[in-house]
Amino acid sequence: MAVSMHVVWSKTEPGRVIYETHSIETITDGKGVHATVDSHTYEISVRSRAEAESIADTEGYELFRKGEAWESLPEE
């Protein structure tokens, strides 16, 4: 199961960049096949694109390099 990582704006602290992870799992039961999404928000400040890439590499996440919060981060 792949886990995607998205750099987003914090909802509790405006102007702070944090990250979220999302994974989709397929479950088959008596009612058929269903998809479930497991999402987590990490209120950990991300200060650069390099830091986001390091987190993704360490944790094995697929980093999505797009969006307003991503664009706001410096390279280093």
Protein backbone atom coordinates (compact mmCIF):
# COMPACT_ATOMS: atom_id res chain seq x y z
CA MET A 1 0.00 0.00 0.00
CA ALA A 2 1.56 3.31 -1.11
CA VAL A 3 1.39 6.28 1.21
CA SER A 4 1.32 9.75 -0.33
CA MET A 5 2.72 12.80 1.47
CA HIS A 6 1.34 16.28 0.85
CA VAL A 7 2.81 19.56 2.09
CA VAL A 8 -0.09 21.74 3.31
CA TRP A 9 -0.84 24.87 5.34
CA SER A 10 -1.55 24.29 9.03
CA LYS A 11 -5.18 24.87 9.98
CA THR A 12 -4.24 25.63 13.60
CA GLU A 13 -1.34 28.02 12.90
CA PRO A 14 -1.82 30.12 9.75
CA GLY A 15 1.36 30.58 7.72
CA ARG A 16 3.00 27.39 9.00
CA VAL A 17 3.67 24.56 6.56
CA ILE A 18 3.07 20.98 7.79
CA TYR A 19 2.39 17.66 6.07
CA GLU A 20 -0.37 15.09 5.69
CA THR A 21 -0.22 11.48 4.58
CA HIS A 22 -2.91 9.50 2.78
CA SER A 23 -3.16 5.84 1.84
CA ILE A 24 -5.91 3.95 0.05
CA GLU A 25 -6.61 0.34 0.91
CA THR A 26 -9.00 -1.98 -0.89
CA ILE A 27 -11.15 -4.22 1.29
CA THR A 28 -13.26 -7.09 0.02
CA ASP A 29 -16.11 -8.28 2.22
CA GLY A 30 -19.57 -9.77 1.87
CA LYS A 31 -20.86 -6.52 0.38
CA GLY A 32 -18.21 -6.30 -2.33
CA VAL A 33 -15.02 -4.34 -2.82
CA HIS A 34 -14.57 -1.07 -0.94
CA ALA A 35 -11.80 1.50 -0.74
CA THR A 36 -10.85 3.08 2.56
CA VAL A 37 -8.64 6.12 2.99
CA ASP A 38 -6.33 6.40 5.98
CA SER A 39 -5.23 10.02 6.49
CA HIS A 40 -2.96 11.58 9.09
CA THR A 41 -2.01 15.20 9.73
CA TYR A 42 1.41 15.85 11.24
CA GLU A 43 1.63 19.25 12.95
CA ILE A 44 5.38 19.29 12.40
CA SER A 45 6.80 22.40 10.73
CA VAL A 46 8.36 21.78 7.33
CA ARG A 47 10.88 24.53 6.62
CA SER A 48 12.19 23.57 3.17
CA ARG A 49 11.65 21.31 0.20
CA ALA A 50 14.83 19.43 1.15
CA GLU A 51 13.37 18.73 4.60
CA ALA A 52 10.09 17.48 3.08
CA GLU A 53 12.04 15.22 0.72
CA SER A 54 14.09 13.89 3.64
CA ILE A 55 10.94 13.06 5.63
CA ALA A 56 9.40 11.31 2.62
CA ASP A 57 12.59 9.31 1.94
CA THR A 58 13.01 8.28 5.58
CA GLU A 59 9.38 7.21 6.01
CA GLY A 60 8.93 5.68 2.54
CA TYR A 61 6.25 8.17 1.45
CA GLU A 62 5.53 9.24 -2.13
CA LEU A 63 5.98 13.03 -1.97
CA PHE A 64 3.64 15.19 -4.06
CA ARG A 65 5.67 18.22 -5.11
CA LYS A 66 2.86 20.64 -5.95
CA GLY A 67 0.47 23.09 -4.38
CA GLU A 68 0.64 26.51 -2.79
CA ALA A 69 2.32 25.34 0.44
CA TRP A 70 4.99 23.42 -1.54
CA GLU A 71 5.65 26.42 -3.76
CA SER A 72 6.14 28.63 -0.67
CA LEU A 73 9.05 26.54 0.63
CA PRO A 74 12.68 27.40 -0.15
CA GLU A 75 14.87 24.68 -1.69
CA GLU A 76 17.12 24.33 1.37
